[in-house]
Protein backbone atom coordinates (compact mmCIF):
# COMPACT_ATOMS: atom_id res chain seq x y z
CA MET A 1 -162.54 48.26 -123.75
CA PRO A 2 -163.70 44.84 -124.18
CA PRO A 3 -165.73 43.89 -121.21
CA ARG A 4 -164.40 41.63 -118.28
CA PHE A 5 -166.38 38.64 -117.94
CA ARG A 6 -166.23 36.83 -114.45
CA VAL A 7 -166.11 32.68 -114.70
CA PRO A 8 -168.63 31.90 -111.52
CA ALA A 9 -166.35 29.40 -108.69
CA GLN A 10 -166.75 25.61 -109.73
CA ARG A 11 -166.32 23.18 -106.50
CA PHE A 12 -163.45 20.72 -107.20
CA ALA A 13 -164.44 18.37 -109.83
CA LEU A 14 -164.92 14.62 -108.46
CA SER A 15 -163.12 11.89 -109.58
CA ASP A 16 -163.04 8.00 -109.33
CA THR A 17 -160.73 6.47 -107.24
CA ALA A 18 -158.42 4.09 -108.90
CA ARG A 19 -156.06 6.78 -108.78
CA ALA A 20 -156.31 7.20 -105.21
CA GLU A 21 -155.85 3.64 -104.67
CA ALA A 22 -153.19 2.83 -106.46
CA PHE A 23 -150.96 5.76 -104.80
CA SER A 24 -151.72 4.80 -101.87
CA ASP A 25 -151.28 0.60 -101.90
CA GLY A 26 -147.63 1.82 -102.91
CA VAL A 27 -147.50 3.66 -100.00
CA PHE A 28 -148.44 1.57 -98.49
CA ALA A 29 -145.44 -1.22 -99.84
CA ILE A 30 -142.85 1.06 -98.85
CA ALA A 31 -143.63 1.71 -95.67
CA LEU A 32 -144.32 -2.13 -94.98
CA THR A 33 -139.81 -2.77 -96.79
CA LEU A 34 -139.09 0.48 -94.61
CA LEU A 35 -139.57 -1.13 -91.36
CA VAL A 36 -137.76 -4.35 -92.29
CA LEU A 37 -134.96 -1.90 -92.68
CA GLY A 38 -134.49 -1.31 -88.86
CA LEU A 39 -133.84 -4.97 -88.64
CA THR A 40 -130.10 -5.78 -89.12
CA THR A 41 -127.51 -8.21 -88.56
CA PRO A 42 -125.75 -6.37 -84.83
CA ALA A 43 -122.88 -5.79 -83.81
CA HIS A 44 -120.80 -9.35 -81.74
CA PRO A 45 -117.64 -10.46 -81.54
CA PRO A 46 -116.71 -14.16 -82.66
CA GLY A 47 -119.57 -16.62 -81.44
CA GLY A 48 -121.48 -13.90 -80.41
CA LEU A 49 -124.04 -13.58 -82.80
CA GLY A 50 -126.17 -15.44 -81.45
CA ASP A 51 -126.46 -13.92 -77.44
CA ALA A 52 -126.80 -10.67 -80.16
CA LEU A 53 -129.63 -11.57 -81.99
CA ALA A 54 -131.57 -12.48 -78.63
CA ARG A 55 -130.13 -9.41 -76.71
CA GLN A 56 -132.81 -7.37 -80.27
CA TRP A 57 -136.18 -9.04 -78.82
CA PRO A 58 -137.64 -5.12 -78.78
CA ALA A 59 -136.25 -4.89 -82.72
CA TYR A 60 -138.38 -8.11 -83.43
CA LEU A 61 -142.14 -6.82 -81.79
CA GLY A 62 -141.30 -3.87 -82.65
CA TYR A 63 -141.68 -4.76 -86.80
CA ALA A 64 -144.81 -6.82 -85.75
CA ALA A 65 -146.38 -4.20 -83.90
CA SER A 66 -145.99 -1.88 -86.95
CA PHE A 67 -146.03 -4.91 -89.80
CA SER A 68 -149.04 -5.01 -88.42
CA TYR A 69 -150.88 -2.03 -87.91
CA ILE A 70 -149.72 -1.11 -91.60
CA ALA A 71 -151.60 -4.23 -93.04
CA VAL A 72 -154.69 -4.09 -91.01
CA ILE A 73 -154.47 -0.30 -91.80
CA TRP A 74 -154.31 -1.76 -95.63
CA LEU A 75 -157.02 -3.80 -95.58
CA ASN A 76 -159.69 -2.12 -93.98
CA HIS A 77 -158.72 0.71 -96.44
CA HIS A 78 -159.38 -1.57 -99.61
CA ARG A 79 -162.39 -2.58 -97.97
CA ALA A 80 -163.01 0.95 -97.63
CA PHE A 81 -162.73 1.87 -101.39
CA LEU A 82 -165.31 -0.43 -101.98
CA ARG A 83 -167.50 1.82 -100.51
CA ILE A 84 -166.11 4.25 -102.37
CA ARG A 85 -167.79 5.79 -105.26
CA SER A 86 -165.86 8.98 -105.82
CA MET A 87 -163.90 11.41 -104.79
CA ASP A 88 -163.87 15.11 -103.81
CA ARG A 89 -160.48 17.39 -102.10
CA GLY A 90 -161.38 16.86 -99.01
CA LEU A 91 -161.82 13.59 -99.37
CA HIS A 92 -158.23 13.02 -100.68
CA ALA A 93 -157.18 15.21 -98.16
CA ALA A 94 -158.20 13.24 -95.41
CA ASN A 95 -156.42 9.92 -97.65
CA LEU A 96 -153.04 11.95 -97.67
CA PHE A 97 -153.25 12.50 -94.17
CA LEU A 98 -153.84 9.68 -93.51
CA LEU A 99 -150.57 8.37 -95.91
CA PHE A 100 -148.36 10.90 -94.23
CA THR A 101 -149.54 8.72 -90.57
CA THR A 102 -148.61 5.35 -92.26
CA ALA A 103 -145.33 6.62 -94.03
CA ALA A 104 -143.48 7.81 -91.03
CA LEU A 105 -144.33 4.68 -88.63
CA ALA A 106 -140.50 2.92 -89.22
CA PHE A 107 -139.36 6.45 -87.71
CA PRO A 108 -140.75 5.50 -84.01
CA THR A 109 -139.73 2.35 -84.39
CA GLU A 110 -136.83 2.55 -85.09
CA VAL A 111 -136.20 5.01 -81.96
CA VAL A 112 -138.26 2.66 -80.05
CA ALA A 113 -136.31 -0.59 -80.19
CA THR A 114 -133.40 1.31 -79.84
CA GLU A 115 -133.26 2.82 -76.55
CA LEU A 116 -135.65 -0.52 -75.05
CA GLN A 117 -131.96 -2.24 -76.42
CA ALA A 118 -130.09 -0.22 -74.67
CA ASP A 119 -132.43 0.33 -71.83
CA ALA A 120 -135.86 -0.68 -71.50
CA TRP A 121 -136.70 1.51 -68.08
CA GLY A 122 -135.15 4.35 -68.78
CA THR A 123 -135.63 7.84 -69.99
CA ASP A 124 -134.99 7.92 -73.25
CA ALA A 125 -136.90 4.81 -74.02
CA LYS A 126 -140.64 6.17 -71.83
CA VAL A 127 -139.82 9.28 -74.76
CA ALA A 128 -140.07 5.86 -77.46
CA VAL A 129 -142.78 4.64 -76.42
CA ALA A 130 -144.15 7.96 -76.57
CA LEU A 131 -143.55 9.44 -79.77
CA TYR A 132 -144.46 5.63 -80.99
CA ALA A 133 -148.24 5.85 -79.46
CA ALA A 134 -148.17 9.81 -80.57
CA LEU A 135 -147.34 8.75 -84.49
CA ALA A 136 -150.45 5.86 -84.33
CA ALA A 137 -152.61 7.60 -82.80
CA ALA A 138 -152.91 9.95 -85.77
CA MET A 139 -153.38 7.61 -87.62
CA CYS A 140 -156.31 6.18 -86.22
CA LEU A 141 -157.53 9.95 -86.16
CA SER A 142 -156.32 10.16 -89.97
CA TRP A 143 -159.19 8.00 -90.18
CA ALA A 144 -162.12 9.29 -88.68
CA ALA A 145 -161.38 13.30 -90.63
CA LEU A 146 -161.99 10.59 -93.01
CA TYR A 147 -164.96 8.79 -91.83
CA HIS A 148 -166.46 13.04 -90.95
CA HIS A 149 -165.60 14.42 -94.61
CA LEU A 150 -167.81 10.95 -95.31
CA ARG A 151 -170.31 11.67 -92.72
CA ARG A 152 -171.65 15.48 -94.43
CA ARG A 153 -170.39 14.42 -97.77
CA PRO A 154 -172.21 10.76 -97.98
CA GLU A 155 -173.33 11.62 -101.51
CA LEU A 156 -169.25 9.83 -102.16
CA LEU A 157 -169.94 6.38 -100.36
CA GLU A 158 -171.81 3.77 -103.05
CA ASN A 159 -176.15 3.49 -102.32
CA THR A 160 -175.77 0.67 -101.47
CA ILE A 161 -173.85 0.19 -98.01
CA GLU A 162 -174.71 -0.47 -94.58
CA PRO A 163 -176.05 1.85 -93.52
CA THR A 164 -174.46 1.81 -90.04
CA TYR A 165 -170.86 2.18 -91.99
CA VAL A 166 -169.29 5.47 -91.09
CA ARG A 167 -170.58 5.65 -87.58
CA HIS A 168 -168.78 2.23 -86.87
CA GLY A 169 -166.29 3.49 -89.01
CA ARG A 170 -165.57 6.99 -86.74
CA LEU A 171 -166.15 5.40 -83.33
CA ARG A 172 -163.72 2.55 -83.85
CA SER A 173 -161.45 5.02 -84.52
CA TRP A 174 -161.72 7.03 -81.76
CA ILE A 175 -161.12 4.24 -79.76
CA GLY A 176 -158.43 3.05 -81.57
CA ALA A 177 -156.40 7.24 -80.76
CA LEU A 178 -157.83 7.27 -77.22
CA ALA A 179 -155.72 3.72 -76.92
CA TYR A 180 -152.47 4.35 -77.94
CA ALA A 181 -153.25 7.08 -76.35
CA LEU A 182 -153.26 5.65 -73.03
CA ALA A 183 -150.70 3.43 -73.89
CA GLY A 184 -148.24 6.52 -74.25
CA VAL A 185 -149.56 7.30 -71.52
CA LEU A 186 -148.74 3.57 -69.29
CA GLY A 187 -145.84 3.58 -70.68
CA VAL A 188 -144.29 7.06 -69.17
CA LEU A 189 -145.71 6.38 -66.11
CA VAL A 190 -145.42 2.37 -65.82
CA THR A 191 -143.86 0.28 -67.58
CA PRO A 192 -142.02 0.67 -71.32
CA LEU A 193 -142.85 -2.70 -71.95
CA ALA A 194 -146.45 -2.05 -70.99
CA ALA A 195 -147.37 0.23 -74.55
CA LEU A 196 -144.78 -2.24 -75.99
CA GLY A 197 -147.06 -4.92 -75.44
CA ALA A 198 -150.45 -2.66 -76.17
CA PHE A 199 -148.64 -1.73 -79.55
CA VAL A 200 -148.87 -5.82 -80.40
CA LEU A 201 -152.04 -6.01 -78.93
CA LEU A 202 -154.26 -3.23 -80.68
CA PRO A 203 -153.65 -4.39 -84.39
CA ILE A 204 -155.17 -7.35 -83.24
CA PHE A 205 -158.54 -5.73 -82.50
CA TYR A 206 -158.42 -3.55 -85.25
CA PHE A 207 -158.94 -7.35 -87.33
CA THR A 208 -160.79 -8.58 -85.85
CA THR A 209 -163.58 -5.83 -85.47
CA SER A 210 -163.23 -4.97 -89.30
CA GLU A 211 -166.03 -6.35 -89.90
CA GLY A 212 -167.73 -4.57 -87.40
CA LEU A 213 -168.28 -3.69 -83.92
CA PRO A 214 -169.00 -6.50 -81.97
CA GLY A 215 -173.35 -6.68 -81.43
CA SER A 216 -173.55 -4.34 -84.18
CA GLN A 217 -176.36 -5.73 -86.51
CA ASP A 218 -173.63 -4.65 -89.07
CA THR A 219 -172.29 -8.02 -91.07
CA SER A 220 -169.68 -6.96 -93.23
CA GLY A 221 -169.18 -3.20 -91.92
CA GLU A 222 -165.66 -1.90 -92.10
CA ALA A 223 -163.27 0.90 -89.75
CA ALA A 224 -160.15 1.84 -90.04
CA ALA A 225 -156.81 2.22 -87.33
């Protein structure tokens, strides 16, 4: 009987970022497209289109909030991958987690729009904003996971990145998770309209700090929402 040889276990091979970037861009494009499907012509009697469109204002705000959020995510994702040299299995997993939450954002967006139009102060509207806040916070945590992995595997990064890049990215990710969670709590305990306002404003924070936190010495560092 021929001898049996054990093949030593090998680590998951590193790969370049091209396929991951192309796949991610496709998911972002589809996620943005899905958002607009929630904007439909409302039912109305003859001559009542203007009033029906006006009553659909939560759908417009929800679209603006989610489009802005995904747009900033795409921007920061692109800038992050300028600094990533290669990928391993853990980084692929973190990126897929990010895409999972991004692709799902159209669902709570439509739920929020529907329930706020029905009763902006009701229990269902509170549940809707809590659902949105939970998913948005999960998206922030997916970025935290990505930066945590880069912190553990710095060899995946380019040698020329800013020393504070990963640290600032992790900090902004956790700030986002906390901010969306607090917005959800505010929407449940006070009014869903306050949460909706926070959902619109938070992407602005991430856009204005995408080159680093105020007062930092990092002039080109990125972080993720």
